[in-house]
Protein backbone atom coordinates (compact mmCIF):
# COMPACT_ATOMS: atom_id res chain seq x y z
CA MET A 1 9.60 -76.26 -3.27
CA HIS A 2 9.46 -72.55 -2.40
CA VAL A 3 11.82 -71.40 0.35
CA THR A 4 11.73 -67.91 1.89
CA ALA A 5 14.86 -66.52 3.48
CA ALA A 6 15.97 -63.11 4.63
CA VAL A 7 18.79 -61.67 2.50
CA ALA A 8 20.99 -58.60 2.52
CA VAL A 9 21.17 -56.51 -0.66
CA LYS A 10 24.17 -54.39 -1.57
CA LYS A 11 23.16 -51.95 -4.31
CA LEU A 12 25.36 -49.85 -6.57
CA LYS A 13 23.81 -46.34 -6.64
CA ALA A 14 22.78 -45.19 -10.14
CA GLU A 15 24.81 -41.96 -9.85
CA ARG A 16 27.98 -44.01 -9.11
CA ILE A 17 27.69 -46.22 -12.27
CA ASP A 18 30.69 -45.63 -14.54
CA THR A 19 33.16 -48.00 -16.19
CA PHE A 20 35.47 -48.14 -13.20
CA MET A 21 32.70 -48.80 -10.65
CA LEU A 22 31.06 -51.38 -12.93
CA ARG A 23 34.37 -53.28 -13.10
CA LYS A 24 34.89 -53.16 -9.33
CA PHE A 25 31.29 -54.30 -8.72
CA GLN A 26 31.74 -57.14 -11.23
CA ASP A 27 35.05 -58.16 -9.55
CA GLU A 28 33.37 -58.22 -6.15
CA ILE A 29 30.53 -60.43 -7.53
CA GLU A 30 33.01 -62.85 -9.08
CA LEU A 31 35.02 -63.05 -5.78
CA MET A 32 31.90 -63.50 -3.56
CA ALA A 33 30.57 -66.22 -5.92
CA ARG A 34 33.81 -68.19 -5.43
CA LEU A 35 34.07 -67.89 -1.57
CA ASP A 36 32.66 -70.65 0.49
CA HIS A 37 33.61 -70.49 4.18
CA PRO A 38 31.64 -70.63 7.46
CA ASN A 39 33.14 -67.20 8.53
CA ILE A 40 32.22 -65.40 5.28
CA VAL A 41 28.70 -64.22 4.37
CA GLY A 42 27.37 -66.37 1.62
CA PHE A 43 26.65 -65.17 -1.93
CA VAL A 44 23.03 -65.72 -2.98
CA GLY A 45 22.87 -64.09 -6.29
CA MET A 46 22.87 -60.78 -8.23
CA VAL A 47 20.75 -58.41 -10.27
CA TRP A 48 22.48 -56.86 -13.30
CA GLU A 49 19.88 -54.79 -15.07
CA GLU A 50 20.77 -51.16 -15.09
CA PRO A 51 20.09 -49.12 -13.08
CA HIS A 52 19.37 -52.06 -10.71
CA LEU A 53 22.80 -53.46 -9.91
CA CYS A 54 22.79 -55.48 -6.76
CA ILE A 55 24.66 -58.23 -4.92
CA VAL A 56 22.32 -60.39 -2.85
CA LEU A 57 23.99 -61.91 0.27
CA GLU A 58 23.08 -64.22 3.08
CA PHE A 59 21.55 -62.15 5.92
CA VAL A 60 23.32 -62.21 9.28
CA SER A 61 21.42 -60.77 12.18
CA GLY A 62 23.05 -58.69 14.95
CA GLY A 63 23.88 -55.51 13.22
CA SER A 64 26.82 -54.55 11.05
CA LEU A 65 30.36 -55.73 11.38
CA ARG A 66 31.47 -52.02 11.41
CA ASP A 67 29.29 -51.28 14.43
CA ALA A 68 30.46 -54.42 16.20
CA LEU A 69 34.10 -53.63 15.68
CA GLN A 70 33.62 -49.99 16.84
CA ASP A 71 31.70 -51.05 19.87
CA ASP A 72 34.36 -53.71 20.70
CA ALA A 73 37.15 -51.19 20.32
CA ALA A 74 35.44 -48.79 22.70
CA ALA A 75 34.82 -51.44 25.30
CA SER A 76 37.17 -51.97 28.22
CA GLU A 77 36.96 -55.76 27.57
CA PRO A 78 36.52 -57.12 24.04
CA THR A 79 33.38 -59.06 23.44
CA LEU A 80 34.12 -60.47 19.95
CA SER A 81 35.51 -63.94 19.85
CA TRP A 82 38.24 -64.48 17.35
CA GLU A 83 38.27 -68.26 17.64
CA ARG A 84 39.38 -70.24 14.61
CA PHE A 85 36.95 -72.74 13.24
């Protein structure tokens, strides 16, 4: 069965590749691969073939979290729900 799904790709830029950044990127991949929670974007996979170093994540529509937090902070009444699941 072939399933098509939208994903988000986080790419490490070639000019930023050094030993320190590779380690940080690898740590992030290892952490994301272990996390499984409905409030956390899901880890789909990775590409580890220089210079193409990418983390593939579940796509969540609605814009970036950064934009949502900035918009919410500027609003007179918060719109984000902080309900616990």
